[in-house]
């Protein structure tokens, strides 16, 4: 059986990276206890970790070409971010 792992991240910059085992499949983006996180299915937990790049854009802002992951809200809806995975 393969696990689902959580990858929390901070909203400090609009571009950031997360190391995940190779082959990780992103399932969901949600906020838990005011911290945004990506949940991913990990078919091979011991696979080498690779860096995956993400971009947060705001409503009305420019968004990069890439795979849309999801939309999340912080600060009671005062901040709305749209998360995309981008390739470098």
Protein backbone atom coordinates (compact mmCIF):
# COMPACT_ATOMS: atom_id res chain seq x y z
CA UNK A 1 0.00 0.00 0.00
CA UNK A 2 1.17 3.50 -0.77
CA UNK A 3 0.83 6.48 1.57
CA UNK A 4 -0.53 9.97 1.15
CA UNK A 5 1.86 12.64 2.43
CA UNK A 6 1.23 16.27 3.33
CA UNK A 7 3.55 19.07 2.16
CA UNK A 8 2.78 22.33 4.00
CA UNK A 9 4.20 25.57 2.62
CA UNK A 10 4.48 29.23 3.58
CA UNK A 11 3.19 32.08 1.45
CA UNK A 12 6.35 34.20 1.50
CA UNK A 13 7.08 34.52 -2.19
CA UNK A 14 5.08 33.80 -5.31
CA UNK A 15 7.58 31.14 -6.46
CA UNK A 16 8.75 28.26 -4.28
CA UNK A 17 9.86 24.63 -4.49
CA UNK A 18 9.03 21.47 -2.57
CA UNK A 19 11.02 18.24 -2.58
CA UNK A 20 8.83 15.21 -3.17
CA UNK A 21 9.66 11.59 -3.98
CA UNK A 22 9.82 11.01 -7.72
CA UNK A 23 6.43 9.90 -9.02
CA UNK A 24 4.40 11.77 -6.39
CA UNK A 25 0.88 12.51 -7.64
CA UNK A 26 -0.71 15.67 -6.28
CA UNK A 27 -4.20 15.00 -5.00
CA UNK A 28 -5.35 18.17 -3.28
CA UNK A 29 -4.53 21.68 -2.07
CA UNK A 30 -6.20 22.81 1.16
CA UNK A 31 -5.63 24.95 4.21
CA UNK A 32 -5.30 23.19 7.57
CA UNK A 33 -5.06 25.30 10.73
CA UNK A 34 -4.27 28.42 8.64
CA UNK A 35 -1.38 26.67 6.81
CA UNK A 36 -1.74 25.82 3.11
CA UNK A 37 -0.63 22.33 2.16
CA UNK A 38 -0.44 19.99 -0.80
CA UNK A 39 -1.45 16.36 -0.30
CA UNK A 40 0.15 13.84 -2.64
CA UNK A 41 -0.08 10.11 -3.27
CA UNK A 42 3.42 8.63 -2.93
CA UNK A 43 3.67 5.35 -4.88
CA UNK A 44 7.36 4.86 -4.00
CA UNK A 45 8.23 6.51 -0.66
CA UNK A 46 11.91 5.55 -1.00
CA UNK A 47 12.24 6.97 -4.52
CA UNK A 48 14.80 9.76 -4.97
CA UNK A 49 13.43 13.17 -4.06
CA UNK A 50 13.05 15.73 -6.79
CA UNK A 51 12.38 19.45 -6.53
CA UNK A 52 9.02 20.58 -7.89
CA UNK A 53 8.35 24.25 -8.54
CA UNK A 54 5.14 26.09 -7.73
CA UNK A 55 3.81 29.58 -8.41
CA UNK A 56 1.14 31.43 -6.43
CA UNK A 57 -0.78 34.06 -8.32
CA UNK A 58 -3.59 36.26 -7.04
CA UNK A 59 -6.94 36.94 -8.61
CA UNK A 60 -6.45 39.45 -11.41
CA UNK A 61 -2.68 38.86 -11.47
CA UNK A 62 -0.57 37.15 -14.10
CA UNK A 63 -0.43 33.38 -13.87
CA UNK A 64 2.28 31.30 -15.51
CA UNK A 65 1.71 28.50 -17.96
CA UNK A 66 1.59 25.33 -15.93
CA UNK A 67 -0.69 22.83 -14.27
CA UNK A 68 -3.39 24.33 -12.07
CA UNK A 69 -3.34 22.69 -8.63
CA UNK A 70 -6.03 24.60 -6.78
CA UNK A 71 -7.21 27.78 -5.08
CA UNK A 72 -6.84 28.53 -1.38
CA UNK A 73 -7.82 31.31 1.01
CA UNK A 74 -6.04 32.69 4.08
CA UNK A 75 -6.83 35.39 6.65
CA UNK A 76 -10.56 34.79 6.53
CA UNK A 77 -10.64 35.15 2.76
CA UNK A 78 -8.62 38.37 2.63
CA UNK A 79 -5.93 36.53 0.63
CA UNK A 80 -6.88 34.28 -2.28
CA UNK A 81 -4.08 32.36 -4.00
CA UNK A 82 -4.17 30.20 -7.11
CA UNK A 83 -1.43 27.54 -7.14
CA UNK A 84 0.20 26.30 -10.34
CA UNK A 85 2.98 23.77 -10.80
CA UNK A 86 5.54 25.03 -13.29
CA UNK A 87 8.55 23.47 -14.94
CA UNK A 88 11.88 25.25 -14.89
